Amino acid sequence: LRFTGVALFDALIATAVGVIILRSAYQILARSVQDLMDAALPEPEQREIERVIRRHTFVVSSHDLRTRRAGSPRQIDFSVVLCRHLGLGEAHDLVDHVQREIEATISQSHVVVHAEPCAPECKLTDRCVLWTREDDLLAHDPRREAGRPDALSGSSPS
């Protein structure tokens, strides 16, 4: 089979096409191996996750961010430190809000958030206690957007 009719040019063109095919095959194989090996999410996605976490003022700190891809779904797991004065229900609602926001930001993701209380000698105690005021908590409560009057107050709607 001849392309140009000149044997040398045909050989060079065939070699170039072969190199392009091999390069494409390598890229496809590398992506497939990363998916199979549970590779961490790319740095830009990890930075976006950290940005979403830091945006929430009720999170004292976060640590142990672990990410991976298992096929298309992205697995995200991390711990947040919350004010120790929050009730269990309040802490759950706040963590649930962070989880949903990350799942909305990072497509096809499954997020697990571990909540931990701040230390008794927390340097942010004054700020931490301030967050336990109902007005501050309501500002971060996702149920507020749904118009539920019982958000974080413990009272049932009438």
N, C-alpha and C. Protein backbone atom coordinates (compact mmCIF):
# COMPACT_ATOMS: atom_id res chain seq x y z
N LEU A 1 0.86 -1.17 0.00
CA LEU A 1 0.00 0.00 0.00
C LEU A 1 0.90 1.24 0.00
N ARG A 2 0.64 2.11 -0.92
CA ARG A 2 1.45 3.31 -1.04
C ARG A 2 0.58 4.54 -0.80
N PHE A 3 1.16 5.51 -0.10
CA PHE A 3 0.44 6.74 0.19
C PHE A 3 0.91 7.86 -0.72
N THR A 4 2.23 8.05 -0.80
CA THR A 4 2.78 9.12 -1.65
C THR A 4 3.42 8.59 -2.92
N GLY A 5 3.70 7.32 -2.95
CA GLY A 5 4.38 6.74 -4.10
C GLY A 5 5.88 6.74 -3.93
N VAL A 6 6.39 7.43 -2.92
CA VAL A 6 7.82 7.46 -2.62
C VAL A 6 8.02 6.59 -1.39
N ALA A 7 8.80 5.55 -1.51
CA ALA A 7 8.96 4.56 -0.44
C ALA A 7 9.44 5.18 0.87
N LEU A 8 10.40 6.10 0.81
CA LEU A 8 10.93 6.71 2.03
C LEU A 8 9.86 7.53 2.75
N PHE A 9 9.11 8.35 2.01
CA PHE A 9 8.05 9.15 2.62
C PHE A 9 6.94 8.26 3.19
N ASP A 10 6.58 7.22 2.46
CA ASP A 10 5.55 6.30 2.95
C ASP A 10 5.99 5.65 4.26
N ALA A 11 7.26 5.28 4.35
CA ALA A 11 7.78 4.66 5.57
C ALA A 11 7.76 5.66 6.73
N LEU A 12 8.15 6.91 6.47
CA LEU A 12 8.14 7.94 7.52
C LEU A 12 6.71 8.24 7.99
N ILE A 13 5.79 8.34 7.07
CA ILE A 13 4.39 8.60 7.43
C ILE A 13 3.84 7.43 8.24
N ALA A 14 4.14 6.20 7.82
CA ALA A 14 3.67 5.02 8.55
C ALA A 14 4.26 4.99 9.96
N THR A 15 5.52 5.36 10.10
CA THR A 15 6.16 5.42 11.42
C THR A 15 5.49 6.48 12.29
N ALA A 16 5.23 7.66 11.73
CA ALA A 16 4.58 8.73 12.49
C ALA A 16 3.19 8.32 12.96
N VAL A 17 2.43 7.69 12.07
CA VAL A 17 1.09 7.22 12.44
C VAL A 17 1.20 6.16 13.54
N GLY A 18 2.17 5.27 13.42
CA GLY A 18 2.38 4.25 14.45
C GLY A 18 2.71 4.86 15.80
N VAL A 19 3.55 5.90 15.83
CA VAL A 19 3.90 6.58 17.08
C VAL A 19 2.67 7.24 17.69
N ILE A 20 1.85 7.87 16.86
CA ILE A 20 0.62 8.51 17.36
C ILE A 20 -0.31 7.46 17.97
N ILE A 21 -0.46 6.33 17.31
CA ILE A 21 -1.32 5.26 17.83
C ILE A 21 -0.78 4.72 19.15
N LEU A 22 0.53 4.49 19.23
CA LEU A 22 1.14 4.00 20.47
C LEU A 22 0.99 5.01 21.61
N ARG A 23 1.16 6.29 21.31
CA ARG A 23 1.00 7.33 22.33
C ARG A 23 -0.43 7.36 22.86
N SER A 24 -1.40 7.30 21.98
CA SER A 24 -2.81 7.28 22.39
C SER A 24 -3.12 6.05 23.22
N ALA A 25 -2.60 4.90 22.80
CA ALA A 25 -2.82 3.67 23.56
C ALA A 25 -2.23 3.77 24.95
N TYR A 26 -1.04 4.36 25.07
CA TYR A 26 -0.40 4.53 26.38
C TYR A 26 -1.25 5.43 27.28
N GLN A 27 -1.76 6.54 26.74
CA GLN A 27 -2.59 7.45 27.53
C GLN A 27 -3.85 6.76 28.02
N ILE A 28 -4.49 6.00 27.17
CA ILE A 28 -5.71 5.27 27.56
C ILE A 28 -5.37 4.24 28.63
N LEU A 29 -4.29 3.51 28.46
CA LEU A 29 -3.87 2.51 29.43
C LEU A 29 -3.53 3.15 30.77
N ALA A 30 -2.83 4.27 30.75
CA ALA A 30 -2.45 4.95 31.99
C ALA A 30 -3.68 5.40 32.76
N ARG A 31 -4.68 5.97 32.08
CA ARG A 31 -5.92 6.38 32.75
C ARG A 31 -6.65 5.17 33.32
N SER A 32 -6.69 4.08 32.58
CA SER A 32 -7.38 2.88 33.05
C SER A 32 -6.71 2.30 34.28
N VAL A 33 -5.39 2.27 34.28
CA VAL A 33 -4.66 1.74 35.43
C VAL A 33 -4.90 2.63 36.65
N GLN A 34 -4.92 3.95 36.47
CA GLN A 34 -5.20 4.85 37.60
C GLN A 34 -6.57 4.56 38.19
N ASP A 35 -7.57 4.35 37.35
CA ASP A 35 -8.91 4.04 37.85
C ASP A 35 -8.93 2.72 38.60
N LEU A 36 -8.22 1.74 38.09
CA LEU A 36 -8.20 0.43 38.74
C LEU A 36 -7.39 0.43 40.03
N MET A 37 -6.41 1.30 40.13
CA MET A 37 -5.52 1.33 41.28
C MET A 37 -5.99 2.32 42.35
N ASP A 38 -7.18 2.86 42.24
CA ASP A 38 -7.70 3.82 43.22
C ASP A 38 -6.75 5.01 43.40
N ALA A 39 -6.39 5.65 42.34
CA ALA A 39 -5.51 6.82 42.40
C ALA A 39 -6.23 7.98 43.08
N ALA A 40 -5.47 8.83 43.74
CA ALA A 40 -6.03 10.01 44.40
C ALA A 40 -6.60 10.96 43.35
N LEU A 41 -7.55 11.79 43.77
CA LEU A 41 -8.11 12.79 42.87
C LEU A 41 -7.03 13.79 42.49
N PRO A 42 -7.17 14.45 41.35
CA PRO A 42 -6.19 15.46 40.94
C PRO A 42 -6.12 16.60 41.95
N GLU A 43 -4.96 17.24 42.03
CA GLU A 43 -4.74 18.34 42.97
C GLU A 43 -5.81 19.43 42.88
N PRO A 44 -6.23 19.87 41.68
CA PRO A 44 -7.26 20.91 41.63
C PRO A 44 -8.56 20.50 42.34
N GLU A 45 -8.96 19.25 42.21
CA GLU A 45 -10.18 18.79 42.89
C GLU A 45 -9.96 18.72 44.40
N GLN A 46 -8.78 18.31 44.85
CA GLN A 46 -8.49 18.28 46.28
C GLN A 46 -8.49 19.69 46.86
N ARG A 47 -7.92 20.65 46.12
CA ARG A 47 -7.93 22.04 46.60
C ARG A 47 -9.35 22.58 46.67
N GLU A 48 -10.20 22.20 45.72
CA GLU A 48 -11.60 22.64 45.74
C GLU A 48 -12.33 22.08 46.97
N ILE A 49 -12.07 20.83 47.30
CA ILE A 49 -12.67 20.22 48.49
C ILE A 49 -12.23 20.99 49.73
N GLU A 50 -10.94 21.27 49.86
CA GLU A 50 -10.43 22.01 51.01
C GLU A 50 -11.03 23.41 51.07
N ARG A 51 -11.23 24.03 49.91
CA ARG A 51 -11.83 25.38 49.88
C ARG A 51 -13.26 25.34 50.40
N VAL A 52 -14.02 24.32 50.00
CA VAL A 52 -15.41 24.19 50.47
C VAL A 52 -15.43 23.99 51.98
N ILE A 53 -14.53 23.17 52.51
CA ILE A 53 -14.49 22.93 53.95
C ILE A 53 -14.16 24.22 54.69
N ARG A 54 -13.13 24.94 54.24
CA ARG A 54 -12.70 26.17 54.92
C ARG A 54 -13.76 27.27 54.87
N ARG A 55 -14.63 27.21 53.89
CA ARG A 55 -15.66 28.24 53.75
C ARG A 55 -16.67 28.19 54.90
N HIS A 56 -16.77 27.08 55.61
CA HIS A 56 -17.73 26.93 56.69
C HIS A 56 -17.10 27.37 58.02
N THR A 57 -17.62 28.45 58.57
CA THR A 57 -17.03 29.03 59.77
C THR A 57 -17.18 28.14 61.00
N PHE A 58 -18.13 27.23 61.00
CA PHE A 58 -18.31 26.38 62.18
C PHE A 58 -17.30 25.24 62.23
N VAL A 59 -16.51 25.05 61.18
CA VAL A 59 -15.47 24.03 61.18
C VAL A 59 -14.21 24.65 61.78
N VAL A 60 -13.81 24.15 62.96
CA VAL A 60 -12.61 24.67 63.63
C VAL A 60 -11.38 24.30 62.81
N SER A 61 -11.31 23.05 62.35
CA SER A 61 -10.22 22.60 61.50
C SER A 61 -10.64 21.32 60.79
N SER A 62 -9.81 20.88 59.86
CA SER A 62 -10.07 19.61 59.17
C SER A 62 -8.74 18.90 58.98
N HIS A 63 -8.81 17.58 58.83
CA HIS A 63 -7.58 16.81 58.63
C HIS A 63 -7.92 15.46 58.01
N ASP A 64 -6.89 14.72 57.65
CA ASP A 64 -7.02 13.36 57.09
C ASP A 64 -7.85 13.30 55.81
N LEU A 65 -7.67 14.28 54.92
CA LEU A 65 -8.38 14.23 53.64
C LEU A 65 -7.82 13.10 52.80
N ARG A 66 -8.69 12.16 52.45
CA ARG A 66 -8.31 11.04 51.58
C ARG A 66 -9.28 11.02 50.42
N THR A 67 -8.73 10.95 49.22
CA THR A 67 -9.56 10.90 48.03
C THR A 67 -9.07 9.77 47.13
N ARG A 68 -10.00 9.23 46.35
CA ARG A 68 -9.61 8.23 45.36
C ARG A 68 -10.72 8.10 44.33
N ARG A 69 -10.34 7.57 43.19
CA ARG A 69 -11.31 7.25 42.15
C ARG A 69 -11.36 5.75 42.02
N ALA A 70 -12.55 5.23 42.04
CA ALA A 70 -12.76 3.80 41.78
C ALA A 70 -13.69 3.75 40.57
N GLY A 71 -13.12 3.84 39.38
CA GLY A 71 -13.92 3.99 38.17
C GLY A 71 -14.35 5.44 38.07
N SER A 72 -15.61 5.66 37.76
CA SER A 72 -16.11 7.04 37.66
C SER A 72 -16.35 7.69 39.02
N PRO A 73 -16.92 6.96 40.00
CA PRO A 73 -17.21 7.63 41.27
C PRO A 73 -15.94 8.09 41.99
N ARG A 74 -16.06 9.23 42.65
CA ARG A 74 -14.95 9.76 43.44
C ARG A 74 -15.29 9.54 44.91
N GLN A 75 -14.37 8.96 45.64
CA GLN A 75 -14.55 8.70 47.07
C GLN A 75 -13.77 9.77 47.85
N ILE A 76 -14.46 10.45 48.77
CA ILE A 76 -13.85 11.53 49.54
C ILE A 76 -14.13 11.26 51.01
N ASP A 77 -13.09 11.33 51.83
CA ASP A 77 -13.20 11.00 53.24
C ASP A 77 -12.30 11.97 54.01
N PHE A 78 -12.83 12.61 55.05
CA PHE A 78 -12.01 13.51 55.85
C PHE A 78 -12.66 13.70 57.21
N SER A 79 -11.92 14.33 58.12
CA SER A 79 -12.42 14.62 59.46
C SER A 79 -12.50 16.12 59.65
N VAL A 80 -13.52 16.56 60.38
CA VAL A 80 -13.64 17.97 60.75
C VAL A 80 -13.71 18.06 62.27
N VAL A 81 -13.14 19.12 62.79
CA VAL A 81 -13.21 19.39 64.22
C VAL A 81 -14.26 20.48 64.41
N LEU A 82 -15.25 20.17 65.25
CA LEU A 82 -16.34 21.11 65.53
C LEU A 82 -16.30 21.51 67.00
N CYS A 83 -17.01 22.57 67.32
CA CYS A 83 -17.12 23.02 68.70
C CYS A 83 -17.70 21.91 69.57
N ARG A 84 -17.05 21.64 70.68
CA ARG A 84 -17.50 20.57 71.57
C ARG A 84 -18.84 20.90 72.24
N HIS A 85 -19.28 22.13 72.19
CA HIS A 85 -20.53 22.52 72.83
C HIS A 85 -21.76 22.28 71.95
N LEU A 86 -21.55 21.85 70.72
CA LEU A 86 -22.68 21.55 69.84
C LEU A 86 -23.36 20.26 70.29
N GLY A 87 -24.66 20.21 70.13
CA GLY A 87 -25.38 18.97 70.39
C GLY A 87 -25.17 18.00 69.24
N LEU A 88 -25.49 16.74 69.48
CA LEU A 88 -25.29 15.72 68.45
C LEU A 88 -26.08 16.04 67.19
N GLY A 89 -27.33 16.43 67.36
CA GLY A 89 -28.16 16.76 66.20
C GLY A 89 -27.63 17.95 65.43
N GLU A 90 -27.16 18.96 66.15
CA GLU A 90 -26.61 20.14 65.50
C GLU A 90 -25.34 19.79 64.72
N ALA A 91 -24.46 19.02 65.35
CA ALA A 91 -23.22 18.62 64.68
C ALA A 91 -23.54 17.80 63.43
N HIS A 92 -24.50 16.90 63.54
CA HIS A 92 -24.88 16.07 62.39
C HIS A 92 -25.39 16.94 61.25
N ASP A 93 -26.26 17.89 61.57
CA ASP A 93 -26.82 18.76 60.53
C ASP A 93 -25.72 19.58 59.84
N LEU A 94 -24.78 20.08 60.62
CA LEU A 94 -23.70 20.88 60.04
C LEU A 94 -22.79 20.03 59.15
N VAL A 95 -22.44 18.84 59.62
CA VAL A 95 -21.59 17.94 58.83
C VAL A 95 -22.33 17.50 57.56
N ASP A 96 -23.62 17.23 57.70
CA ASP A 96 -24.42 16.82 56.55
C ASP A 96 -24.44 17.93 55.49
N HIS A 97 -24.50 19.17 55.94
CA HIS A 97 -24.48 20.31 55.02
C HIS A 97 -23.16 20.37 54.25
N VAL A 98 -22.03 20.19 54.94
CA VAL A 98 -20.72 20.19 54.27
C VAL A 98 -20.66 19.04 53.26
N GLN A 99 -21.14 17.88 53.67
CA GLN A 99 -21.12 16.71 52.79
C GLN A 99 -21.90 16.97 51.51
N ARG A 100 -23.11 17.49 51.64
CA ARG A 100 -23.93 17.75 50.45
C ARG A 100 -23.30 18.81 49.55
N GLU A 101 -22.67 19.80 50.15
CA GLU A 101 -22.06 20.86 49.35
C GLU A 101 -20.87 20.32 48.54
N ILE A 102 -20.08 19.45 49.14
CA ILE A 102 -18.95 18.86 48.41
C ILE A 102 -19.48 17.95 47.31
N GLU A 103 -20.51 17.16 47.60
CA GLU A 103 -21.09 16.28 46.57
C GLU A 103 -21.66 17.09 45.41
N ALA A 104 -22.15 18.30 45.69
CA ALA A 104 -22.66 19.16 44.61
C ALA A 104 -21.50 19.79 43.83
N THR A 105 -20.37 20.00 44.49
CA THR A 105 -19.22 20.64 43.85
C THR A 105 -18.40 19.65 43.02
N ILE A 106 -18.19 18.46 43.56
CA ILE A 106 -17.39 17.42 42.88
C ILE A 106 -18.36 16.39 42.33
N SER A 107 -18.48 16.34 41.02
CA SER A 107 -19.47 15.44 40.40
C SER A 107 -19.14 13.98 40.68
N GLN A 108 -20.17 13.18 40.71
CA GLN A 108 -20.07 11.73 40.94
C GLN A 108 -19.22 11.41 42.16
N SER A 109 -19.51 12.06 43.28
CA SER A 109 -18.70 11.83 44.47
C SER A 109 -19.55 11.24 45.59
N HIS A 110 -18.87 10.47 46.42
CA HIS A 110 -19.46 9.94 47.65
C HIS A 110 -18.57 10.46 48.78
N VAL A 111 -19.17 11.22 49.70
CA VAL A 111 -18.40 11.90 50.73
C VAL A 111 -18.74 11.32 52.10
N VAL A 112 -17.70 11.03 52.88
CA VAL A 112 -17.86 10.60 54.27
C VAL A 112 -17.11 11.60 55.13
N VAL A 113 -17.83 12.22 56.08
CA VAL A 113 -17.23 13.21 56.96
C VAL A 113 -17.27 12.68 58.38
N HIS A 114 -16.13 12.66 59.04
CA HIS A 114 -16.04 12.25 60.44
C HIS A 114 -15.99 13.52 61.28
N ALA A 115 -16.87 13.64 62.26
CA ALA A 115 -16.90 14.82 63.13
C ALA A 115 -16.20 14.51 64.44
N GLU A 116 -15.37 15.44 64.89
CA GLU A 116 -14.66 15.30 66.16
C GLU A 116 -14.85 16.58 66.96
N PRO A 117 -14.92 16.48 68.29
CA PRO A 117 -15.04 17.70 69.10
C PRO A 117 -13.68 18.37 69.25
N CYS A 118 -13.70 19.68 69.43
CA CYS A 118 -12.45 20.38 69.69
C CYS A 118 -11.95 20.00 71.08
N ALA A 119 -10.68 20.22 71.34
CA ALA A 119 -10.08 19.88 72.63
C ALA A 119 -10.61 20.82 73.71
N PRO A 120 -10.66 20.35 74.96
CA PRO A 120 -11.12 21.24 76.05
C PRO A 120 -10.28 22.51 76.14
N GLU A 121 -9.00 22.41 75.81
CA GLU A 121 -8.13 23.59 75.87
C GLU A 121 -8.01 24.27 74.51
N CYS A 122 -9.04 24.15 73.70
CA CYS A 122 -9.06 24.73 72.35
C CYS A 122 -8.78 26.23 72.42
N LYS A 123 -7.87 26.70 71.58
CA LYS A 123 -7.51 28.12 71.56
C LYS A 123 -8.62 28.97 70.97
N LEU A 124 -9.58 28.34 70.33
CA LEU A 124 -10.69 29.08 69.72
C LEU A 124 -11.94 29.01 70.59
N THR A 125 -11.78 28.74 71.90
CA THR A 125 -12.93 28.52 72.77
C THR A 125 -13.92 29.68 72.71
N ASP A 126 -13.45 30.91 72.77
CA ASP A 126 -14.38 32.05 72.73
C ASP A 126 -15.17 32.05 71.43
N ARG A 127 -14.48 31.85 70.33
CA ARG A 127 -15.16 31.80 69.03
C ARG A 127 -16.05 30.57 68.96
N CYS A 128 -15.58 29.47 69.51
CA CYS A 128 -16.32 28.21 69.49
C CYS A 128 -17.63 28.35 70.25
N VAL A 129 -17.59 28.93 71.44
CA VAL A 129 -18.80 29.11 72.23
C VAL A 129 -19.77 30.04 71.51
N LEU A 130 -19.24 31.05 70.83
CA LEU A 130 -20.08 31.96 70.07
C LEU A 130 -20.87 31.21 69.01
N TRP A 131 -20.25 30.19 68.40
CA TRP A 131 -20.93 29.42 67.36
C TRP A 131 -22.09 28.62 67.90
N THR A 132 -22.11 28.37 69.18
CA THR A 132 -23.19 27.56 69.73
C THR A 132 -24.47 28.37 69.91
N ARG A 133 -24.36 29.68 69.75
CA ARG A 133 -25.59 30.48 69.81
C ARG A 133 -26.50 30.07 68.67
N GLU A 134 -27.78 29.98 68.96
CA GLU A 134 -28.74 29.50 67.97
C GLU A 134 -28.74 30.34 66.70
N ASP A 135 -28.61 31.66 66.83
CA ASP A 135 -28.62 32.51 65.64
C ASP A 135 -27.47 32.16 64.71
N ASP A 136 -26.29 31.91 65.27
CA ASP A 136 -25.13 31.56 64.44
C ASP A 136 -25.33 30.21 63.78
N LEU A 137 -25.88 29.26 64.50
CA LEU A 137 -26.10 27.94 63.94
C LEU A 137 -27.16 27.99 62.85
N LEU A 138 -28.20 28.77 63.08
CA LEU A 138 -29.27 28.85 62.08
C LEU A 138 -28.75 29.41 60.76
N ALA A 139 -27.75 30.27 60.83
CA ALA A 139 -27.20 30.84 59.61
C ALA A 139 -26.56 29.77 58.73
N HIS A 140 -26.18 28.64 59.32
CA HIS A 140 -25.52 27.57 58.58
C HIS A 140 -26.42 26.36 58.40
N ASP A 141 -27.65 26.42 58.85
CA ASP A 141 -28.51 25.24 58.81
C ASP A 141 -29.19 25.12 57.46
N PRO A 142 -28.99 24.00 56.76
CA PRO A 142 -29.61 23.82 55.45
C PRO A 142 -31.13 23.74 55.52
N ARG A 143 -31.68 23.38 56.68
CA ARG A 143 -33.14 23.31 56.80
C ARG A 143 -33.77 24.69 56.78
N ARG A 144 -32.98 25.71 57.10
CA ARG A 144 -33.51 27.07 57.09
C ARG A 144 -34.01 27.45 55.71
N GLU A 145 -33.26 27.00 54.68
CA GLU A 145 -33.65 27.30 53.31
C GLU A 145 -34.98 26.65 52.96
N ALA A 146 -35.28 25.52 53.61
CA ALA A 146 -36.52 24.81 53.34
C ALA A 146 -37.69 25.41 54.13
N GLY A 147 -37.40 26.41 54.96
CA GLY A 147 -38.46 27.07 55.71
C GLY A 147 -38.94 26.31 56.93
N ARG A 148 -38.12 25.42 57.47
CA ARG A 148 -38.53 24.66 58.65
C ARG A 148 -38.24 25.48 59.89
N PRO A 149 -39.27 25.84 60.67
CA PRO A 149 -39.07 26.67 61.85
C PRO A 149 -38.36 25.93 62.98
N ASP A 150 -38.32 24.60 62.94
CA ASP A 150 -37.71 23.85 64.03
C ASP A 150 -36.21 23.65 63.84
N ALA A 151 -35.63 24.32 62.86
CA ALA A 151 -34.22 24.11 62.54
C ALA A 151 -33.35 24.35 63.76
N LEU A 152 -32.70 23.33 64.22
CA LEU A 152 -31.72 23.34 65.29
C LEU A 152 -32.26 23.80 66.64
N SER A 153 -33.50 24.17 66.74
CA SER A 153 -34.00 24.66 68.02
C SER A 153 -34.54 23.55 68.89
N GLY A 154 -34.80 22.40 68.29
CA GLY A 154 -35.32 21.28 69.06
C GLY A 154 -36.83 21.32 69.22
N SER A 155 -37.47 22.41 68.84
CA SER A 155 -38.92 22.47 68.96
C SER A 155 -39.55 21.90 67.70
N SER A 156 -40.72 21.38 67.85
CA SER A 156 -41.40 20.82 66.68
C SER A 156 -42.30 21.87 66.07
N PRO A 157 -42.47 21.81 64.75
CA PRO A 157 -43.31 22.81 64.08
C PRO A 157 -44.76 22.67 64.49
N SER A 158 -45.44 23.80 64.53
CA SER A 158 -46.86 23.79 64.94
C SER A 158 -47.75 23.51 63.77
